[in-house]
């Protein structure tokens, strides 16, 4: 069973950016971790970090040969999300299209479910 379809999906742009980040990393990271912080004016914000060690409770999906670890406490908040990467000259970064969001703050940095 393909867990990518169950939890999250990535656009080609996001896949390429993840591969680029891991390839250019100065340390030997084993992948990236997607999580959520309890912060921002709407309550939650997305975070993406490098991973040095797996946490036992992590869900693991693959983007080609790159491991994407999903914090177990985050799964219920991001289930069904599609992650894109934009770089339009004014801004660049990962963008979450999350069907579970009920509201997003005016600046777009935080959300509530």
C-alpha atoms as a PDB file:
ATOM      1  CA  UNK A   1       0.000   0.000   0.000  1.00  0.00           C
ATOM      2  CA  UNK A   2       1.349   3.461  -0.917  1.00  0.00           C
ATOM      3  CA  UNK A   3       1.331   5.602   2.248  1.00  0.00           C
ATOM      4  CA  UNK A   4       1.997   8.774   0.252  1.00  0.00           C
ATOM      5  CA  UNK A   5      -1.602   8.690  -1.028  1.00  0.00           C
ATOM      6  CA  UNK A   6      -2.947   7.982   2.438  1.00  0.00           C
ATOM      7  CA  UNK A   7      -1.184  10.791   4.296  1.00  0.00           C
ATOM      8  CA  UNK A   8       0.164  13.455   1.926  1.00  0.00           C
ATOM      9  CA  UNK A   9       1.171  14.017  -1.684  1.00  0.00           C
ATOM     10  CA  UNK A  10       3.848  16.239  -3.223  1.00  0.00           C
ATOM     11  CA  UNK A  11       3.809  18.176  -6.476  1.00  0.00           C
ATOM     12  CA  UNK A  12       6.769  17.644  -8.819  1.00  0.00           C
ATOM     13  CA  UNK A  13       8.118  21.043  -7.751  1.00  0.00           C
ATOM     14  CA  UNK A  14       8.015  20.023  -4.069  1.00  0.00           C
ATOM     15  CA  UNK A  15       9.602  16.640  -4.811  1.00  0.00           C
ATOM     16  CA  UNK A  16      12.435  18.307  -6.706  1.00  0.00           C
ATOM     17  CA  UNK A  17      13.023  20.817  -3.896  1.00  0.00           C
ATOM     18  CA  UNK A  18      13.131  18.084  -1.230  1.00  0.00           C
ATOM     19  CA  UNK A  19      15.685  16.154  -3.307  1.00  0.00           C
ATOM     20  CA  UNK A  20      17.756  19.324  -3.791  1.00  0.00           C
ATOM     21  CA  UNK A  21      17.703  20.182  -0.069  1.00  0.00           C
ATOM     22  CA  UNK A  22      18.854  16.723   0.999  1.00  0.00           C
ATOM     23  CA  UNK A  23      21.488  16.482  -1.751  1.00  0.00           C
ATOM     24  CA  UNK A  24      23.012  19.868  -0.838  1.00  0.00           C
ATOM     25  CA  UNK A  25      22.870  19.426   2.942  1.00  0.00           C
ATOM     26  CA  UNK A  26      26.235  19.835   4.627  1.00  0.00           C
ATOM     27  CA  UNK A  27      25.516  16.969   7.042  1.00  0.00           C
ATOM     28  CA  UNK A  28      24.458  13.429   6.270  1.00  0.00           C
ATOM     29  CA  UNK A  29      20.764  13.735   7.072  1.00  0.00           C
ATOM     30  CA  UNK A  30      18.567  10.683   6.567  1.00  0.00           C
ATOM     31  CA  UNK A  31      15.593  12.737   5.329  1.00  0.00           C
ATOM     32  CA  UNK A  32      13.191  15.494   6.315  1.00  0.00           C
ATOM     33  CA  UNK A  33      10.472  15.586   8.990  1.00  0.00           C
ATOM     34  CA  UNK A  34       7.110  17.261   8.576  1.00  0.00           C
ATOM     35  CA  UNK A  35       5.472  18.459  11.750  1.00  0.00           C
ATOM     36  CA  UNK A  36       3.267  21.094  13.276  1.00  0.00           C
ATOM     37  CA  UNK A  37       4.078  23.643  15.971  1.00  0.00           C
ATOM     38  CA  UNK A  38       1.465  25.096  18.270  1.00  0.00           C
ATOM     39  CA  UNK A  39       2.129  28.698  17.313  1.00  0.00           C
ATOM     40  CA  UNK A  40       0.868  31.615  15.308  1.00  0.00           C
ATOM     41  CA  UNK A  41      -2.288  33.652  15.572  1.00  0.00           C
ATOM     42  CA  UNK A  42      -4.481  30.795  14.271  1.00  0.00           C
ATOM     43  CA  UNK A  43      -2.972  28.145  16.545  1.00  0.00           C
ATOM     44  CA  UNK A  44      -0.740  25.923  14.378  1.00  0.00           C
ATOM     45  CA  UNK A  45       2.093  26.322  11.890  1.00  0.00           C
ATOM     46  CA  UNK A  46       3.753  23.801   9.593  1.00  0.00           C
ATOM     47  CA  UNK A  47       7.412  22.941  10.011  1.00  0.00           C
ATOM     48  CA  UNK A  48       9.893  21.002   7.914  1.00  0.00           C
ATOM     49  CA  UNK A  49      13.211  19.999   9.470  1.00  0.00           C
ATOM     50  CA  UNK A  50      16.202  17.859   8.601  1.00  0.00           C
ATOM     51  CA  UNK A  51      16.282  14.417  10.215  1.00  0.00           C
ATOM     52  CA  UNK A  52      19.369  12.886  11.759  1.00  0.00           C
ATOM     53  CA  UNK A  53      17.600  10.074  13.626  1.00  0.00           C
ATOM     54  CA  UNK A  54      14.253   8.363  13.258  1.00  0.00           C
ATOM     55  CA  UNK A  55      11.793   8.678  16.120  1.00  0.00           C
ATOM     56  CA  UNK A  56       9.999   5.378  16.773  1.00  0.00           C
ATOM     57  CA  UNK A  57       6.543   6.912  16.317  1.00  0.00           C
ATOM     58  CA  UNK A  58       7.337   8.553  12.936  1.00  0.00           C
ATOM     59  CA  UNK A  59       5.379   7.591   9.846  1.00  0.00           C
ATOM     60  CA  UNK A  60       7.758   7.195   6.885  1.00  0.00           C
ATOM     61  CA  UNK A  61       6.946   7.846   3.253  1.00  0.00           C
ATOM     62  CA  UNK A  62       9.328   8.069   0.314  1.00  0.00           C
ATOM     63  CA  UNK A  63       9.876  10.668  -2.370  1.00  0.00           C
ATOM     64  CA  UNK A  64      11.794   8.505  -4.772  1.00  0.00           C
ATOM     65  CA  UNK A  65      14.703   7.426  -2.533  1.00  0.00           C
ATOM     66  CA  UNK A  66      14.373  10.208   0.040  1.00  0.00           C
ATOM     67  CA  UNK A  67      12.692   9.464   3.354  1.00  0.00           C
ATOM     68  CA  UNK A  68      10.025  11.844   4.590  1.00  0.00           C
ATOM     69  CA  UNK A  69       9.258  11.382   8.268  1.00  0.00           C
ATOM     70  CA  UNK A  70       5.898  12.546   9.542  1.00  0.00           C
ATOM     71  CA  UNK A  71       5.558  13.288  13.229  1.00  0.00           C
ATOM     72  CA  UNK A  72       2.880  10.870  14.477  1.00  0.00           C
ATOM     73  CA  UNK A  73       1.054  13.633  16.359  1.00  0.00           C
ATOM     74  CA  UNK A  74       0.842  15.592  13.092  1.00  0.00           C
ATOM     75  CA  UNK A  75      -0.752  12.925  10.901  1.00  0.00           C
ATOM     76  CA  UNK A  76      -4.358  13.660  11.867  1.00  0.00           C
ATOM     77  CA  UNK A  77      -3.873  17.357  11.056  1.00  0.00           C
ATOM     78  CA  UNK A  78      -2.309  16.930   7.605  1.00  0.00           C
ATOM     79  CA  UNK A  79      -4.083  13.828   6.292  1.00  0.00           C
ATOM     80  CA  UNK A  80      -4.910  14.348   2.615  1.00  0.00           C
ATOM     81  CA  UNK A  81      -2.654  17.409   2.223  1.00  0.00           C
ATOM     82  CA  UNK A  82      -0.831  18.273  -0.967  1.00  0.00           C
ATOM     83  CA  UNK A  83       2.532  19.987  -0.577  1.00  0.00           C
ATOM     84  CA  UNK A  84       3.817  22.313  -3.279  1.00  0.00           C
ATOM     85  CA  UNK A  85       6.990  24.373  -3.575  1.00  0.00           C
ATOM     86  CA  UNK A  86       6.828  27.875  -5.007  1.00  0.00           C
ATOM     87  CA  UNK A  87       9.620  30.210  -6.060  1.00  0.00           C
ATOM     88  CA  UNK A  88       8.245  33.230  -7.859  1.00  0.00           C
ATOM     89  CA  UNK A  89      10.949  35.835  -7.247  1.00  0.00           C
ATOM     90  CA  UNK A  90       8.999  37.492  -4.416  1.00  0.00           C
ATOM     91  CA  UNK A  91       8.814  34.468  -2.133  1.00  0.00           C
ATOM     92  CA  UNK A  92       9.855  30.869  -2.014  1.00  0.00           C
ATOM     93  CA  UNK A  93       8.864  27.981   0.188  1.00  0.00           C
ATOM     94  CA  UNK A  94       6.697  24.960   0.709  1.00  0.00           C
ATOM     95  CA  UNK A  95       2.955  25.521   0.570  1.00  0.00           C
ATOM     96  CA  UNK A  96       0.500  23.140   2.231  1.00  0.00           C
ATOM     97  CA  UNK A  97      -2.906  22.655   0.631  1.00  0.00           C
ATOM     98  CA  UNK A  98      -4.606  21.041   3.605  1.00  0.00           C
ATOM     99  CA  UNK A  99      -8.267  19.997   3.355  1.00  0.00           C
ATOM    100  CA  UNK A 100      -8.440  19.849   7.169  1.00  0.00           C
ATOM    101  CA  UNK A 101      -7.796  23.566   7.665  1.00  0.00           C
ATOM    102  CA  UNK A 102     -10.783  25.474   8.980  1.00  0.00           C
ATOM    103  CA  UNK A 103      -9.105  28.863   8.987  1.00  0.00           C
ATOM    104  CA  UNK A 104      -5.803  30.506   8.080  1.00  0.00           C
ATOM    105  CA  UNK A 105      -4.439  33.746   9.483  1.00  0.00           C
ATOM    106  CA  UNK A 106      -4.190  36.840   7.287  1.00  0.00           C
ATOM    107  CA  UNK A 107      -0.451  36.487   6.699  1.00  0.00           C
ATOM    108  CA  UNK A 108      -0.815  32.773   5.840  1.00  0.00           C
ATOM    109  CA  UNK A 109       1.724  31.608   8.410  1.00  0.00           C
ATOM    110  CA  UNK A 110      -0.628  29.732  10.728  1.00  0.00           C
ATOM    111  CA  UNK A 111      -3.865  27.756  10.564  1.00  0.00           C
ATOM    112  CA  UNK A 112      -6.511  26.088  12.684  1.00  0.00           C
ATOM    113  CA  UNK A 113      -8.272  22.758  12.276  1.00  0.00           C
END
